PDB file of N, CA and C in Angstrom:
ATOM      1  N   MET A   1      -1.998 -11.904  -2.047  1.00  0.00           N
ATOM      2  CA  MET A   1      -1.718 -12.001  -0.299  1.00  0.00           C
ATOM      3  C   MET A   1      -3.954 -11.358   0.108  1.00  0.00           C
ATOM      4  N   LEU A   2      -4.483 -11.011  -0.519  1.00  0.00           N
ATOM      5  CA  LEU A   2      -6.111 -11.192  -0.205  1.00  0.00           C
ATOM      6  C   LEU A   2      -7.063 -11.280  -0.839  1.00  0.00           C
ATOM      7  N   ARG A   3      -7.327 -12.681  -0.382  1.00  0.00           N
ATOM      8  CA  ARG A   3      -8.632 -13.049  -1.636  1.00  0.00           C
ATOM      9  C   ARG A   3      -9.981 -12.929  -0.869  1.00  0.00           C
ATOM     10  N   ALA A   4     -10.741 -12.558  -1.669  1.00  0.00           N
ATOM     11  CA  ALA A   4     -11.799 -12.577  -1.663  1.00  0.00           C
ATOM     12  C   ALA A   4     -13.284 -13.650  -1.153  1.00  0.00           C
ATOM     13  N   THR A   5     -13.535 -14.024  -0.195  1.00  0.00           N
ATOM     14  CA  THR A   5     -14.498 -15.414  -0.316  1.00  0.00           C
ATOM     15  C   THR A   5     -16.176 -14.901   0.420  1.00  0.00           C
ATOM     16  N   ALA A   6     -17.141 -15.996   0.796  1.00  0.00           N
ATOM     17  CA  ALA A   6     -18.311 -15.762   0.546  1.00  0.00           C
ATOM     18  C   ALA A   6     -18.208 -14.953   2.166  1.00  0.00           C
ATOM     19  N   ALA A   7     -17.030 -15.989   3.290  1.00  0.00           N
ATOM     20  CA  ALA A   7     -17.225 -15.473   4.358  1.00  0.00           C
ATOM     21  C   ALA A   7     -16.729 -14.117   4.552  1.00  0.00           C
ATOM     22  N   GLY A   8     -15.743 -13.788   3.999  1.00  0.00           N
ATOM     23  CA  GLY A   8     -14.702 -12.254   4.232  1.00  0.00           C
ATOM     24  C   GLY A   8     -13.730 -13.060   3.474  1.00  0.00           C
ATOM     25  N   VAL A   9     -12.447 -12.419   3.934  1.00  0.00           N
ATOM     26  CA  VAL A   9     -11.116 -12.455   2.680  1.00  0.00           C
ATOM     27  C   VAL A   9     -10.169 -13.292   3.877  1.00  0.00           C
ATOM     28  N   THR A  10      -9.395 -14.126   2.548  1.00  0.00           N
ATOM     29  CA  THR A  10      -8.628 -14.951   3.708  1.00  0.00           C
ATOM     30  C   THR A  10      -7.426 -13.896   3.497  1.00  0.00           C
ATOM     31  N   LEU A  11      -6.106 -14.041   4.306  1.00  0.00           N
ATOM     32  CA  LEU A  11      -4.973 -13.444   4.497  1.00  0.00           C
ATOM     33  C   LEU A  11      -3.958 -14.395   4.454  1.00  0.00           C
ATOM     34  N   ALA A  12      -2.731 -13.975   3.341  1.00  0.00           N
ATOM     35  CA  ALA A  12      -1.790 -14.982   3.457  1.00  0.00           C
ATOM     36  C   ALA A  12      -0.651 -14.135   4.236  1.00  0.00           C
ATOM     37  N   VAL A  13      -0.132 -15.189   5.038  1.00  0.00           N
ATOM     38  CA  VAL A  13       0.702 -13.863   6.206  1.00  0.00           C
ATOM     39  C   VAL A  13       2.297 -15.025   6.477  1.00  0.00           C
ATOM     40  N   ARG A  14       3.444 -14.453   6.402  1.00  0.00           N
ATOM     41  CA  ARG A  14       4.566 -14.423   6.424  1.00  0.00           C
ATOM     42  C   ARG A  14       4.570 -14.279   8.019  1.00  0.00           C
ATOM     43  N   ALA A  15       4.435 -15.581   8.619  1.00  0.00           N
ATOM     44  CA  ALA A  15       4.914 -15.248  10.531  1.00  0.00           C
ATOM     45  C   ALA A  15       6.602 -15.386  10.463  1.00  0.00           C
ATOM     46  N   GLN A  16       6.984 -14.200  11.816  1.00  0.00           N
ATOM     47  CA  GLN A  16       8.093 -14.240  12.282  1.00  0.00           C
ATOM     48  C   GLN A  16       8.577 -14.780  13.414  1.00  0.00           C
ATOM     49  N   PRO A  17       8.243 -15.176  14.406  1.00  0.00           N
ATOM     50  CA  PRO A  17       7.631 -15.314  15.472  1.00  0.00           C
ATOM     51  C   PRO A  17       9.138 -15.064  15.989  1.00  0.00           C
ATOM     52  N   GLY A  18       9.340 -14.949  17.742  1.00  0.00           N
ATOM     53  CA  GLY A  18      10.263 -14.226  18.920  1.00  0.00           C
ATOM     54  C   GLY A  18      10.785 -13.403  18.341  1.00  0.00           C
ATOM     55  N   ALA A  19       9.554 -12.309  17.757  1.00  0.00           N
ATOM     56  CA  ALA A  19      10.156 -10.447  17.629  1.00  0.00           C
ATOM     57  C   ALA A  19      10.121 -10.241  19.025  1.00  0.00           C
ATOM     58  N   LYS A  20      10.475  -8.667  18.908  1.00  0.00           N
ATOM     59  CA  LYS A  20      10.963  -7.832  20.048  1.00  0.00           C
ATOM     60  C   LYS A  20       9.347  -7.264  20.207  1.00  0.00           C
ATOM     61  N   LYS A  21       8.620  -7.385  19.237  1.00  0.00           N
ATOM     62  CA  LYS A  21       7.134  -6.654  19.383  1.00  0.00           C
ATOM     63  C   LYS A  21       6.337  -7.616  17.941  1.00  0.00           C
ATOM     64  N   THR A  22       5.383  -7.285  18.171  1.00  0.00           N
ATOM     65  CA  THR A  22       4.614  -7.621  17.215  1.00  0.00           C
ATOM     66  C   THR A  22       3.821  -6.805  16.204  1.00  0.00           C
ATOM     67  N   ALA A  23       4.177  -7.005  15.133  1.00  0.00           N
ATOM     68  CA  ALA A  23       3.684  -5.892  14.005  1.00  0.00           C
ATOM     69  C   ALA A  23       3.520  -6.548  12.553  1.00  0.00           C
ATOM     70  N   ILE A  24       2.898  -5.418  11.811  1.00  0.00           N
ATOM     71  CA  ILE A  24       3.232  -5.649  10.544  1.00  0.00           C
ATOM     72  C   ILE A  24       4.706  -5.343   9.929  1.00  0.00           C
ATOM     73  N   THR A  25       5.513  -5.761   9.087  1.00  0.00           N
ATOM     74  CA  THR A  25       6.827  -5.430   8.880  1.00  0.00           C
ATOM     75  C   THR A  25       6.855  -5.575   7.468  1.00  0.00           C
ATOM     76  N   GLY A  26       6.041  -6.160   6.438  1.00  0.00           N
ATOM     77  CA  GLY A  26       6.188  -5.417   5.089  1.00  0.00           C
ATOM     78  C   GLY A  26       5.428  -6.617   4.674  1.00  0.00           C
ATOM     79  N   VAL A  27       5.876  -6.770   3.485  1.00  0.00           N
ATOM     80  CA  VAL A  27       5.510  -7.875   2.462  1.00  0.00           C
ATOM     81  C   VAL A  27       6.462  -8.926   2.038  1.00  0.00           C
ATOM     82  N   TYR A  28       6.030  -9.734   2.034  1.00  0.00           N
ATOM     83  CA  TYR A  28       7.396 -11.319   1.740  1.00  0.00           C
ATOM     84  C   TYR A  28       6.777 -11.845   0.233  1.00  0.00           C
ATOM     85  N   GLY A  29       7.913 -11.402  -0.666  1.00  0.00           N
ATOM     86  CA  GLY A  29       7.384 -12.688  -2.082  1.00  0.00           C
ATOM     87  C   GLY A  29       6.913 -10.947  -2.809  1.00  0.00           C
ATOM     88  N   GLU A  30       6.457 -11.697  -4.108  1.00  0.00           N
ATOM     89  CA  GLU A  30       5.951 -10.665  -4.938  1.00  0.00           C
ATOM     90  C   GLU A  30       4.625 -11.138  -5.751  1.00  0.00           C
ATOM     91  N   GLY A  31       3.789 -10.868  -6.197  1.00  0.00           N
ATOM     92  CA  GLY A  31       2.721 -11.490  -7.011  1.00  0.00           C
ATOM     93  C   GLY A  31       1.909 -12.489  -6.326  1.00  0.00           C
ATOM     94  N   ALA A  32       0.875 -12.954  -7.160  1.00  0.00           N
ATOM     95  CA  ALA A  32       0.223 -14.053  -6.249  1.00  0.00           C
ATOM     96  C   ALA A  32       0.615 -14.670  -5.080  1.00  0.00           C
ATOM     97  N   ALA A  33       1.980 -14.921  -5.159  1.00  0.00           N
ATOM     98  CA  ALA A  33       2.558 -15.444  -3.766  1.00  0.00           C
ATOM     99  C   ALA A  33       3.094 -14.609  -2.814  1.00  0.00           C
ATOM    100  N   ALA A  34       2.211 -13.544  -2.626  1.00  0.00           N
ATOM    101  CA  ALA A  34       3.082 -12.316  -1.779  1.00  0.00           C
ATOM    102  C   ALA A  34       2.404 -12.653  -0.117  1.00  0.00           C
ATOM    103  N   GLN A  35       2.874 -12.274   0.723  1.00  0.00           N
ATOM    104  CA  GLN A  35       2.293 -12.431   2.219  1.00  0.00           C
ATOM    105  C   GLN A  35       2.769 -11.202   2.767  1.00  0.00           C
ATOM    106  N   LEU A  36       1.930 -11.286   3.917  1.00  0.00           N
ATOM    107  CA  LEU A  36       2.197 -10.030   4.762  1.00  0.00           C
ATOM    108  C   LEU A  36       2.531 -10.267   5.346  1.00  0.00           C
ATOM    109  N   ARG A  37       3.995 -10.138   5.683  1.00  0.00           N
ATOM    110  CA  ARG A  37       4.932 -10.268   6.699  1.00  0.00           C
ATOM    111  C   ARG A  37       4.765  -9.599   7.985  1.00  0.00           C
ATOM    112  N   ILE A  38       4.305 -10.430   8.830  1.00  0.00           N
ATOM    113  CA  ILE A  38       4.390  -9.776  10.256  1.00  0.00           C
ATOM    114  C   ILE A  38       5.104 -10.581  11.885  1.00  0.00           C
ATOM    115  N   ALA A  39       6.062  -9.693  12.674  1.00  0.00           N
ATOM    116  CA  ALA A  39       6.574  -9.934  13.222  1.00  0.00           C
ATOM    117  C   ALA A  39       5.513 -10.624  14.095  1.00  0.00           C
ATOM    118  N   VAL A  40       5.810 -11.566  15.459  1.00  0.00           N
ATOM    119  CA  VAL A  40       5.391 -11.396  16.302  1.00  0.00           C
ATOM    120  C   VAL A  40       6.390 -12.151  17.803  1.00  0.00           C
ATOM    121  N   HIS A  41       5.333 -11.420  18.786  1.00  0.00           N
ATOM    122  CA  HIS A  41       6.716 -11.474  20.019  1.00  0.00           C
ATOM    123  C   HIS A  41       6.559 -12.943  20.811  1.00  0.00           C
ATOM    124  N   ALA A  42       5.339 -13.429  20.114  1.00  0.00           N
ATOM    125  CA  ALA A  42       5.567 -14.702  20.762  1.00  0.00           C
ATOM    126  C   ALA A  42       6.484 -15.803  20.585  1.00  0.00           C
ATOM    127  N   PRO A  43       6.734 -16.845  21.429  1.00  0.00           N
ATOM    128  CA  PRO A  43       7.613 -17.789  20.441  1.00  0.00           C
ATOM    129  C   PRO A  43       6.730 -18.776  19.844  1.00  0.00           C
ATOM    130  N   PRO A  44       7.200 -19.353  18.939  1.00  0.00           N
ATOM    131  CA  PRO A  44       6.427 -20.594  18.316  1.00  0.00           C
ATOM    132  C   PRO A  44       6.278 -22.408  18.743  1.00  0.00           C
ATOM    133  N   LEU A  45       6.293 -22.057  20.187  1.00  0.00           N
ATOM    134  CA  LEU A  45       6.079 -23.197  21.336  1.00  0.00           C
ATOM    135  C   LEU A  45       4.411 -23.694  21.240  1.00  0.00           C
ATOM    136  N   GLU A  46       4.386 -24.362  20.972  1.00  0.00           N
ATOM    137  CA  GLU A  46       2.849 -24.934  21.507  1.00  0.00           C
ATOM    138  C   GLU A  46       1.581 -24.242  21.100  1.00  0.00           C
ATOM    139  N   GLY A  47       1.373 -23.631  19.848  1.00  0.00           N
ATOM    140  CA  GLY A  47       0.636 -22.716  19.283  1.00  0.00           C
ATOM    141  C   GLY A  47       0.307 -21.479  19.882  1.00  0.00           C
ATOM    142  N   ARG A  48       1.713 -20.969  20.263  1.00  0.00           N
ATOM    143  CA  ARG A  48       1.501 -19.725  20.746  1.00  0.00           C
ATOM    144  C   ARG A  48       1.585 -18.638  20.374  1.00  0.00           C
ATOM    145  N   ALA A  49       2.690 -18.237  18.971  1.00  0.00           N
ATOM    146  CA  ALA A  49       2.676 -17.582  18.115  1.00  0.00           C
ATOM    147  C   ALA A  49       1.240 -17.441  16.995  1.00  0.00           C
ATOM    148  N   ASN A  50       0.805 -18.596  16.800  1.00  0.00           N
ATOM    149  CA  ASN A  50      -0.609 -18.378  15.713  1.00  0.00           C
ATOM    150  C   ASN A  50      -1.556 -17.950  16.547  1.00  0.00           C
ATOM    151  N   GLN A  51      -1.723 -18.292  18.604  1.00  0.00           N
ATOM    152  CA  GLN A  51      -2.602 -17.705  19.119  1.00  0.00           C
ATOM    153  C   GLN A  51      -2.190 -15.997  18.795  1.00  0.00           C
ATOM    154  N   ALA A  52      -1.178 -15.794  19.373  1.00  0.00           N
ATOM    155  CA  ALA A  52      -0.672 -14.249  19.069  1.00  0.00           C
ATOM    156  C   ALA A  52      -1.152 -13.698  17.859  1.00  0.00           C
ATOM    157  N   LEU A  53      -0.957 -14.254  16.812  1.00  0.00           N
ATOM    158  CA  LEU A  53      -1.743 -13.926  15.734  1.00  0.00           C
ATOM    159  C   LEU A  53      -3.309 -13.057  15.182  1.00  0.00           C
ATOM    160  N   ILE A  54      -3.847 -14.692  16.177  1.00  0.00           N
ATOM    161  CA  ILE A  54      -5.261 -14.234  15.475  1.00  0.00           C
ATOM    162  C   ILE A  54      -5.427 -12.953  16.525  1.00  0.00           C
ATOM    163  N   VAL A  55      -5.009 -12.896  17.944  1.00  0.00           N
ATOM    164  CA  VAL A  55      -5.692 -11.870  18.622  1.00  0.00           C
ATOM    165  C   VAL A  55      -4.729 -10.189  17.930  1.00  0.00           C
ATOM    166  N   PHE A  56      -3.902 -10.333  17.359  1.00  0.00           N
ATOM    167  CA  PHE A  56      -2.987  -9.064  16.555  1.00  0.00           C
ATOM    168  C   PHE A  56      -4.140  -9.160  15.585  1.00  0.00           C
ATOM    169  N   LEU A  57      -4.405  -9.803  14.164  1.00  0.00           N
ATOM    170  CA  LEU A  57      -5.487  -9.464  13.074  1.00  0.00           C
ATOM    171  C   LEU A  57      -6.498  -9.650  14.003  1.00  0.00           C
ATOM    172  N   ALA A  58      -7.349  -9.905  14.419  1.00  0.00           N
ATOM    173  CA  ALA A  58      -8.436  -9.486  15.189  1.00  0.00           C
ATOM    174  C   ALA A  58      -8.247  -8.208  15.514  1.00  0.00           C
ATOM    175  N   GLU A  59      -7.565  -7.140  16.583  1.00  0.00           N
ATOM    176  CA  GLU A  59      -6.920  -6.187  16.908  1.00  0.00           C
ATOM    177  C   GLU A  59      -6.882  -5.640  15.924  1.00  0.00           C
ATOM    178  N   THR A  60      -6.259  -5.764  14.848  1.00  0.00           N
ATOM    179  CA  THR A  60      -5.649  -4.693  13.560  1.00  0.00           C
ATOM    180  C   THR A  60      -7.312  -4.558  12.726  1.00  0.00           C
ATOM    181  N   PHE A  61      -7.848  -5.702  12.387  1.00  0.00           N
ATOM    182  CA  PHE A  61      -8.793  -5.421  11.474  1.00  0.00           C
ATOM    183  C   PHE A  61     -10.369  -5.332  12.322  1.00  0.00           C
ATOM    184  N   GLY A  62     -10.527  -4.848  13.634  1.00  0.00           N
ATOM    185  CA  GLY A  62     -11.539  -4.689  14.292  1.00  0.00           C
ATOM    186  C   GLY A  62     -12.718  -5.487  14.499  1.00  0.00           C
ATOM    187  N   VAL A  63     -12.051  -6.915  14.434  1.00  0.00           N
ATOM    188  CA  VAL A  63     -13.247  -7.509  14.021  1.00  0.00           C
ATOM    189  C   VAL A  63     -12.581  -8.912  15.695  1.00  0.00           C
ATOM    190  N   PRO A  64     -13.862 -10.151  15.908  1.00  0.00           N
ATOM    191  CA  PRO A  64     -13.800 -10.794  17.083  1.00  0.00           C
ATOM    192  C   PRO A  64     -12.658 -11.747  17.159  1.00  0.00           C
ATOM    193  N   LYS A  65     -11.844 -11.851  18.117  1.00  0.00           N
ATOM    194  CA  LYS A  65     -11.374 -13.158  18.131  1.00  0.00           C
ATOM    195  C   LYS A  65     -11.646 -14.648  17.060  1.00  0.00           C
ATOM    196  N   HIS A  66     -12.997 -15.030  17.161  1.00  0.00           N
ATOM    197  CA  HIS A  66     -13.755 -16.098  16.727  1.00  0.00           C
ATOM    198  C   HIS A  66     -13.683 -15.739  15.279  1.00  0.00           C
ATOM    199  N   ALA A  67     -13.851 -14.802  15.384  1.00  0.00           N
ATOM    200  CA  ALA A  67     -13.707 -14.219  13.302  1.00  0.00           C
ATOM    201  C   ALA A  67     -12.821 -14.472  12.743  1.00  0.00           C
ATOM    202  N   VAL A  68     -11.185 -14.428  13.164  1.00  0.00           N
ATOM    203  CA  VAL A  68     -10.208 -14.691  13.102  1.00  0.00           C
ATOM    204  C   VAL A  68     -10.009 -17.038  12.837  1.00  0.00           C
ATOM    205  N   GLU A  69      -9.799 -17.452  11.619  1.00  0.00           N
ATOM    206  CA  GLU A  69      -9.232 -18.798  11.966  1.00  0.00           C
ATOM    207  C   GLU A  69      -7.742 -19.085  10.988  1.00  0.00           C
ATOM    208  N   LEU A  70      -7.280 -19.363  11.460  1.00  0.00           N
ATOM    209  CA  LEU A  70      -5.722 -20.499  11.523  1.00  0.00           C
ATOM    210  C   LEU A  70      -6.797 -21.428   9.890  1.00  0.00           C
ATOM    211  N   MET A  71      -6.486 -21.480   8.476  1.00  0.00           N
ATOM    212  CA  MET A  71      -7.119 -22.159   7.586  1.00  0.00           C
ATOM    213  C   MET A  71      -5.880 -22.887   7.284  1.00  0.00           C
ATOM    214  N   ALA A  72      -4.753 -22.293   7.254  1.00  0.00           N
ATOM    215  CA  ALA A  72      -3.585 -23.545   6.836  1.00  0.00           C
ATOM    216  C   ALA A  72      -1.951 -22.761   7.356  1.00  0.00           C
ATOM    217  N   GLY A  73      -1.249 -23.942   7.529  1.00  0.00           N
ATOM    218  CA  GLY A  73      -0.358 -23.509   8.072  1.00  0.00           C
ATOM    219  C   GLY A  73       0.672 -23.612   9.664  1.00  0.00           C
ATOM    220  N   GLU A  74      -0.534 -24.397  10.200  1.00  0.00           N
ATOM    221  CA  GLU A  74      -0.433 -24.651  11.718  1.00  0.00           C
ATOM    222  C   GLU A  74       1.253 -24.840  12.021  1.00  0.00           C
ATOM    223  N   LEU A  75       1.824 -25.135  11.407  1.00  0.00           N
ATOM    224  CA  LEU A  75       3.227 -25.597  11.840  1.00  0.00           C
ATOM    225  C   LEU A  75       4.272 -25.065  10.811  1.00  0.00           C
ATOM    226  N   SER A  76       3.717 -24.120   9.994  1.00  0.00           N
ATOM    227  CA  SER A  76       4.585 -23.155   9.257  1.00  0.00           C
ATOM    228  C   SER A  76       4.326 -21.466   9.865  1.00  0.00           C
ATOM    229  N   ARG A  77       5.822 -21.373   8.848  1.00  0.00           N
ATOM    230  CA  ARG A  77       5.660 -19.678   9.146  1.00  0.00           C
ATOM    231  C   ARG A  77       4.871 -19.460   8.219  1.00  0.00           C
ATOM    232  N   SER A  78       4.638 -19.652   6.478  1.00  0.00           N
ATOM    233  CA  SER A  78       3.257 -19.293   5.724  1.00  0.00           C
ATOM    234  C   SER A  78       2.067 -20.019   6.079  1.00  0.00           C
ATOM    235  N   LYS A  79       1.376 -19.077   6.920  1.00  0.00           N
ATOM    236  CA  LYS A  79       0.006 -19.360   6.725  1.00  0.00           C
ATOM    237  C   LYS A  79      -1.304 -18.632   6.248  1.00  0.00           C
ATOM    238  N   VAL A  80      -2.457 -19.110   6.115  1.00  0.00           N
ATOM    239  CA  VAL A  80      -4.219 -18.325   6.029  1.00  0.00           C
ATOM    240  C   VAL A  80      -4.528 -18.416   7.173  1.00  0.00           C
ATOM    241  N   PHE A  81      -5.359 -16.785   6.489  1.00  0.00           N
ATOM    242  CA  PHE A  81      -6.000 -17.144   7.839  1.00  0.00           C
ATOM    243  C   PHE A  81      -7.659 -17.024   7.099  1.00  0.00           C
ATOM    244  N   LEU A  82      -8.525 -16.763   7.382  1.00  0.00           N
ATOM    245  CA  LEU A  82      -9.878 -16.497   7.460  1.00  0.00           C
ATOM    246  C   LEU A  82     -10.314 -15.310   8.345  1.00  0.00           C
ATOM    247  N   LEU A  83     -10.349 -14.196   7.810  1.00  0.00           N
ATOM    248  CA  LEU A  83     -11.256 -12.956   8.490  1.00  0.00           C
ATOM    249  C   LEU A  83     -12.211 -12.554   7.965  1.00  0.00           C
ATOM    250  N   ARG A  84     -13.458 -13.479   9.123  1.00  0.00           N
ATOM    251  CA  ARG A  84     -14.916 -13.642   8.859  1.00  0.00           C
ATOM    252  C   ARG A  84     -15.510 -12.063   8.511  1.00  0.00           C
ATOM    253  N   GLY A  85     -16.233 -11.619   8.217  1.00  0.00           N
ATOM    254  CA  GLY A  85     -16.876 -10.142   7.661  1.00  0.00           C
ATOM    255  C   GLY A  85     -16.301  -8.989   7.313  1.00  0.00           C
ATOM    256  N   VAL A  86     -14.736  -9.025   6.898  1.00  0.00           N
ATOM    257  CA  VAL A  86     -13.614  -8.190   6.534  1.00  0.00           C
ATOM    258  C   VAL A  86     -13.671  -8.215   4.929  1.00  0.00           C
ATOM    259  N   SER A  87     -14.382  -7.471   4.545  1.00  0.00           N
ATOM    260  CA  SER A  87     -14.308  -7.332   2.868  1.00  0.00           C
ATOM    261  C   SER A  87     -12.986  -6.705   2.745  1.00  0.00           C
ATOM    262  N   ARG A  88     -12.705  -7.033   1.162  1.00  0.00           N
ATOM    263  CA  ARG A  88     -11.904  -6.705   0.997  1.00  0.00           C
ATOM    264  C   ARG A  88     -11.427  -5.483   1.054  1.00  0.00           C
ATOM    265  N   GLU A  89     -11.970  -4.767   0.235  1.00  0.00           N
ATOM    266  CA  GLU A  89     -11.661  -2.921   0.347  1.00  0.00           C
ATOM    267  C   GLU A  89     -11.024  -2.897   2.131  1.00  0.00           C
ATOM    268  N   LYS A  90     -11.617  -2.892   3.469  1.00  0.00           N
ATOM    269  CA  LYS A  90     -11.549  -2.790   4.158  1.00  0.00           C
ATOM    270  C   LYS A  90     -10.114  -3.222   4.778  1.00  0.00           C
ATOM    271  N   ALA A  91      -9.825  -4.965   4.297  1.00  0.00           N
ATOM    272  CA  ALA A  91      -8.589  -5.320   4.179  1.00  0.00           C
ATOM    273  C   ALA A  91      -7.586  -4.711   3.806  1.00  0.00           C
ATOM    274  N   GLU A  92      -7.599  -4.286   2.384  1.00  0.00           N
ATOM    275  CA  GLU A  92      -6.842  -3.482   1.433  1.00  0.00           C
ATOM    276  C   GLU A  92      -6.581  -2.227   2.232  1.00  0.00           C
ATOM    277  N   ALA A  93      -7.258  -1.419   2.985  1.00  0.00           N
ATOM    278  CA  ALA A  93      -7.702  -0.361   3.827  1.00  0.00           C
ATOM    279  C   ALA A  93      -6.173  -0.127   5.169  1.00  0.00           C
ATOM    280  N   VAL A  94      -6.555  -1.270   5.593  1.00  0.00           N
ATOM    281  CA  VAL A  94      -6.430  -1.609   6.887  1.00  0.00           C
ATOM    282  C   VAL A  94      -4.613  -1.713   6.516  1.00  0.00           C
ATOM    283  N   ILE A  95      -4.190  -2.581   5.835  1.00  0.00           N
ATOM    284  CA  ILE A  95      -3.466  -3.009   5.115  1.00  0.00           C
ATOM    285  C   ILE A  95      -2.302  -1.851   4.900  1.00  0.00           C
ATOM    286  N   SER A  96      -2.913  -1.077   4.027  1.00  0.00           N
ATOM    287  CA  SER A  96      -2.084   0.586   3.983  1.00  0.00           C
ATOM    288  C   SER A  96      -2.128   1.452   4.688  1.00  0.00           C
ATOM    289  N   GLY A  97      -2.604   1.462   5.884  1.00  0.00           N
ATOM    290  CA  GLY A  97      -2.885   2.612   6.741  1.00  0.00           C
ATOM    291  C   GLY A  97      -1.516   1.972   7.669  1.00  0.00           C
ATOM    292  N   CYS A  98      -1.848   0.349   7.794  1.00  0.00           N
ATOM    293  CA  CYS A  98      -0.255  -0.060   8.788  1.00  0.00           C
ATOM    294  C   CYS A  98       0.919   0.026   7.727  1.00  0.00           C
ATOM    295  N   ALA A  99       0.795  -0.100   7.039  1.00  0.00           N
ATOM    296  CA  ALA A  99       2.244   0.357   6.301  1.00  0.00           C
ATOM    297  C   ALA A  99       2.582   1.696   5.948  1.00  0.00           C
ATOM    298  N   ALA A 100       2.057   2.521   6.219  1.00  0.00           N
ATOM    299  CA  ALA A 100       1.866   4.324   5.865  1.00  0.00           C
ATOM    300  C   ALA A 100       2.785   4.787   7.399  1.00  0.00           C
ATOM    301  N   ARG A 101       2.229   3.595   8.638  1.00  0.00           N
ATOM    302  CA  ARG A 101       2.800   3.889   9.624  1.00  0.00           C
ATOM    303  C   ARG A 101       3.779   4.361  10.056  1.00  0.00           C
ATOM    304  N   LYS A 102       4.139   2.438   9.356  1.00  0.00           N
ATOM    305  CA  LYS A 102       5.793   2.634   9.792  1.00  0.00           C
ATOM    306  C   LYS A 102       7.108   3.668   9.810  1.00  0.00           C
TER     307      LYS A 102
END
């Protein structure tokens, strides 16, 4: 689900638009194909869910919105985001912290 790059990390996400609230809900899949499952309050219309995911990921990982870029999956539930300036260690710590709060 996480891959280190020169610019930061890429994060594989499985979006669930139209949820009651935006939150990390678990992991979808196993092994190399695993994705972070995120419920998104926004509907999947006109890019609203993608924008909501960008805002949520920026807040969750403590980076500005312009540091979060949708790399793949604009029209799919399966997406890949680039989190610029985030180390793999920090991303893993944030994800485990979110899982512990559930």
